[in-house]
């Protein structure tokens, strides 16, 4: 379920930035905080 929530975020950031370099660090930082809430909502 977390993958689906991250998909829209990636598309939004990708469209604005257009470069995979800056998106890589952003995803890593958003992964830890999104993991706990995402799993809780999914359950």
PDB file of N, CA and C in Angstrom:
ATOM      1  N   UNK A   1       0.842  -1.202   0.000  1.00  0.00           N
ATOM      2  CA  UNK A   1       0.000   0.000   0.000  1.00  0.00           C
ATOM      3  C   UNK A   1       0.885   1.264   0.000  1.00  0.00           C
ATOM      4  N   UNK A   2       2.011   1.188   0.678  1.00  0.00           N
ATOM      5  CA  UNK A   2       2.917   2.347   0.754  1.00  0.00           C
ATOM      6  C   UNK A   2       3.419   2.713  -0.647  1.00  0.00           C
ATOM      7  N   UNK A   3       3.625   1.709  -1.491  1.00  0.00           N
ATOM      8  CA  UNK A   3       4.125   1.962  -2.856  1.00  0.00           C
ATOM      9  C   UNK A   3       3.133   2.846  -3.608  1.00  0.00           C
ATOM     10  N   UNK A   4       1.852   2.552  -3.466  1.00  0.00           N
ATOM     11  CA  UNK A   4       0.825   3.342  -4.170  1.00  0.00           C
ATOM     12  C   UNK A   4       0.852   4.798  -3.700  1.00  0.00           C
ATOM     13  N   UNK A   5       1.050   5.001  -2.403  1.00  0.00           N
ATOM     14  CA  UNK A   5       1.055   6.368  -1.863  1.00  0.00           C
ATOM     15  C   UNK A   5       2.297   7.122  -2.332  1.00  0.00           C
ATOM     16  N   UNK A   6       3.398   6.391  -2.524  1.00  0.00           N
ATOM     17  CA  UNK A   6       4.648   7.033  -2.954  1.00  0.00           C
ATOM     18  C   UNK A   6       4.632   7.299  -4.454  1.00  0.00           C
ATOM     19  N   UNK A   7       3.879   6.507  -5.205  1.00  0.00           N
ATOM     20  CA  UNK A   7       3.833   6.671  -6.667  1.00  0.00           C
ATOM     21  C   UNK A   7       3.414   8.089  -7.052  1.00  0.00           C
ATOM     22  N   UNK A   8       2.300   8.585  -6.521  1.00  0.00           N
ATOM     23  CA  UNK A   8       1.856   9.947  -6.861  1.00  0.00           C
ATOM     24  C   UNK A   8       2.907  10.987  -6.482  1.00  0.00           C
ATOM     25  N   UNK A   9       3.558  10.801  -5.339  1.00  0.00           N
ATOM     26  CA  UNK A   9       4.588  11.748  -4.889  1.00  0.00           C
ATOM     27  C   UNK A   9       5.738  11.787  -5.894  1.00  0.00           C
ATOM     28  N   UNK A  10       6.137  10.619  -6.371  1.00  0.00           N
ATOM     29  CA  UNK A  10       7.253  10.566  -7.329  1.00  0.00           C
ATOM     30  C   UNK A  10       6.880  11.301  -8.611  1.00  0.00           C
ATOM     31  N   UNK A  11       5.671  11.077  -9.082  1.00  0.00           N
ATOM     32  CA  UNK A  11       5.234  11.713 -10.345  1.00  0.00           C
ATOM     33  C   UNK A  11       5.213  13.235 -10.176  1.00  0.00           C
ATOM     34  N   UNK A  12       4.740  13.697  -9.054  1.00  0.00           N
ATOM     35  CA  UNK A  12       4.660  15.154  -8.819  1.00  0.00           C
ATOM     36  C   UNK A  12       6.069  15.746  -8.756  1.00  0.00           C
ATOM     37  N   UNK A  13       6.953  15.101  -8.015  1.00  0.00           N
ATOM     38  CA  UNK A  13       8.329  15.625  -7.889  1.00  0.00           C
ATOM     39  C   UNK A  13       9.059  15.512  -9.224  1.00  0.00           C
ATOM     40  N   UNK A  14       8.846  14.387  -9.904  1.00  0.00           N
ATOM     41  CA  UNK A  14       9.522  14.152 -11.193  1.00  0.00           C
ATOM     42  C   UNK A  14       9.114  15.194 -12.215  1.00  0.00           C
ATOM     43  N   UNK A  15       7.830  15.513 -12.265  1.00  0.00           N
ATOM     44  CA  UNK A  15       7.340  16.493 -13.249  1.00  0.00           C
ATOM     45  C   UNK A  15       7.965  17.867 -12.972  1.00  0.00           C
ATOM     46  N   UNK A  16       8.086  18.219 -11.701  1.00  0.00           N
ATOM     47  CA  UNK A  16       8.644  19.529 -11.345  1.00  0.00           C
ATOM     48  C   UNK A  16      10.154  19.570 -11.552  1.00  0.00           C
ATOM     49  N   UNK A  17      10.845  18.593 -10.981  1.00  0.00           N
ATOM     50  CA  UNK A  17      12.308  18.573 -11.103  1.00  0.00           C
ATOM     51  C   UNK A  17      12.724  18.094 -12.495  1.00  0.00           C
ATOM     52  N   UNK A  18      12.272  16.895 -12.861  1.00  0.00           N
ATOM     53  CA  UNK A  18      12.632  16.361 -14.177  1.00  0.00           C
ATOM     54  C   UNK A  18      13.990  15.678 -14.119  1.00  0.00           C
ATOM     55  N   UNK A  19      14.580  15.566 -12.915  1.00  0.00           N
ATOM     56  CA  UNK A  19      15.895  14.913 -12.788  1.00  0.00           C
ATOM     57  C   UNK A  19      15.828  13.858 -11.679  1.00  0.00           C
ATOM     58  N   UNK A  20      16.363  12.657 -11.927  1.00  0.00           N
ATOM     59  CA  UNK A  20      16.333  11.567 -10.949  1.00  0.00           C
ATOM     60  C   UNK A  20      17.302  11.797  -9.792  1.00  0.00           C
ATOM     61  N   UNK A  21      18.317  12.607  -9.975  1.00  0.00           N
ATOM     62  CA  UNK A  21      19.333  12.851  -8.940  1.00  0.00           C
ATOM     63  C   UNK A  21      18.693  13.444  -7.673  1.00  0.00           C
ATOM     64  N   UNK A  22      17.984  14.583  -7.777  1.00  0.00           N
ATOM     65  CA  UNK A  22      17.382  15.219  -6.602  1.00  0.00           C
ATOM     66  C   UNK A  22      16.232  14.404  -6.012  1.00  0.00           C
ATOM     67  N   UNK A  23      15.572  13.615  -6.846  1.00  0.00           N
ATOM     68  CA  UNK A  23      14.430  12.813  -6.380  1.00  0.00           C
ATOM     69  C   UNK A  23      14.917  11.646  -5.503  1.00  0.00           C
ATOM     70  N   UNK A  24      16.089  11.112  -5.810  1.00  0.00           N
ATOM     71  CA  UNK A  24      16.620   9.962  -5.061  1.00  0.00           C
ATOM     72  C   UNK A  24      16.688  10.279  -3.564  1.00  0.00           C
ATOM     73  N   UNK A  25      17.363  11.354  -3.163  1.00  0.00           N
ATOM     74  CA  UNK A  25      17.474  11.702  -1.736  1.00  0.00           C
ATOM     75  C   UNK A  25      16.112  12.008  -1.120  1.00  0.00           C
ATOM     76  N   UNK A  26      15.265  12.655  -1.866  1.00  0.00           N
ATOM     77  CA  UNK A  26      13.924  13.005  -1.352  1.00  0.00           C
ATOM     78  C   UNK A  26      13.152  11.728  -0.986  1.00  0.00           C
ATOM     79  N   UNK A  27      13.228  10.727  -1.856  1.00  0.00           N
ATOM     80  CA  UNK A  27      12.500   9.472  -1.600  1.00  0.00           C
ATOM     81  C   UNK A  27      13.036   8.806  -0.333  1.00  0.00           C
ATOM     82  N   UNK A  28      14.348   8.770  -0.186  1.00  0.00           N
ATOM     83  CA  UNK A  28      14.955   8.114   0.976  1.00  0.00           C
ATOM     84  C   UNK A  28      14.483   8.802   2.264  1.00  0.00           C
ATOM     85  N   UNK A  29      14.419  10.124   2.249  1.00  0.00           N
ATOM     86  CA  UNK A  29      14.009  10.864   3.454  1.00  0.00           C
ATOM     87  C   UNK A  29      12.519  10.652   3.747  1.00  0.00           C
ATOM     88  N   UNK A  30      11.717  10.561   2.702  1.00  0.00           N
ATOM     89  CA  UNK A  30      10.267  10.411   2.900  1.00  0.00           C
ATOM     90  C   UNK A  30       9.892   8.958   3.208  1.00  0.00           C
ATOM     91  N   UNK A  31      10.793   8.031   2.932  1.00  0.00           N
ATOM     92  CA  UNK A  31      10.481   6.615   3.165  1.00  0.00           C
ATOM     93  C   UNK A  31      10.248   6.318   4.646  1.00  0.00           C
ATOM     94  N   UNK A  32      11.200   6.641   5.539  1.00  0.00           N
ATOM     95  CA  UNK A  32      11.055   6.337   6.974  1.00  0.00           C
ATOM     96  C   UNK A  32       9.783   6.933   7.580  1.00  0.00           C
ATOM     97  N   UNK A  33       9.497   8.213   7.385  1.00  0.00           N
ATOM     98  CA  UNK A  33       8.308   8.829   7.983  1.00  0.00           C
ATOM     99  C   UNK A  33       7.002   8.304   7.382  1.00  0.00           C
ATOM    100  N   UNK A  34       7.022   7.955   6.101  1.00  0.00           N
ATOM    101  CA  UNK A  34       5.797   7.486   5.435  1.00  0.00           C
ATOM    102  C   UNK A  34       5.525   6.015   5.754  1.00  0.00           C
ATOM    103  N   UNK A  35       6.572   5.278   6.104  1.00  0.00           N
ATOM    104  CA  UNK A  35       6.393   3.842   6.353  1.00  0.00           C
ATOM    105  C   UNK A  35       5.440   3.577   7.537  1.00  0.00           C
ATOM    106  N   UNK A  36       5.675   4.164   8.704  1.00  0.00           N
ATOM    107  CA  UNK A  36       4.812   3.908   9.870  1.00  0.00           C
ATOM    108  C   UNK A  36       3.352   4.297   9.632  1.00  0.00           C
ATOM    109  N   UNK A  37       3.052   5.513   9.192  1.00  0.00           N
ATOM    110  CA  UNK A  37       1.660   5.940   8.969  1.00  0.00           C
ATOM    111  C   UNK A  37       1.002   5.147   7.847  1.00  0.00           C
ATOM    112  N   UNK A  38       1.745   4.869   6.785  1.00  0.00           N
ATOM    113  CA  UNK A  38       1.193   4.135   5.633  1.00  0.00           C
ATOM    114  C   UNK A  38       0.738   2.742   6.075  1.00  0.00           C
ATOM    115  N   UNK A  39       1.588   2.028   6.808  1.00  0.00           N
ATOM    116  CA  UNK A  39       1.238   0.667   7.233  1.00  0.00           C
ATOM    117  C   UNK A  39       0.047   0.716   8.205  1.00  0.00           C
ATOM    118  N   UNK A  40       0.007   1.717   9.055  1.00  0.00           N
ATOM    119  CA  UNK A  40      -1.092   1.841  10.021  1.00  0.00           C
ATOM    120  C   UNK A  40      -2.412   2.074   9.296  1.00  0.00           C
ATOM    121  N   UNK A  41      -2.419   2.948   8.320  1.00  0.00           N
ATOM    122  CA  UNK A  41      -3.661   3.241   7.582  1.00  0.00           C
ATOM    123  C   UNK A  41      -4.066   2.027   6.754  1.00  0.00           C
ATOM    124  N   UNK A  42      -3.084   1.377   6.148  1.00  0.00           N
ATOM    125  CA  UNK A  42      -3.385   0.208   5.314  1.00  0.00           C
ATOM    126  C   UNK A  42      -4.027  -0.899   6.143  1.00  0.00           C
ATOM    127  N   UNK A  43      -3.504  -1.127   7.342  1.00  0.00           N
ATOM    128  CA  UNK A  43      -4.029  -2.180   8.208  1.00  0.00           C
ATOM    129  C   UNK A  43      -5.461  -1.825   8.620  1.00  0.00           C
TER     130      UNK A  43
END
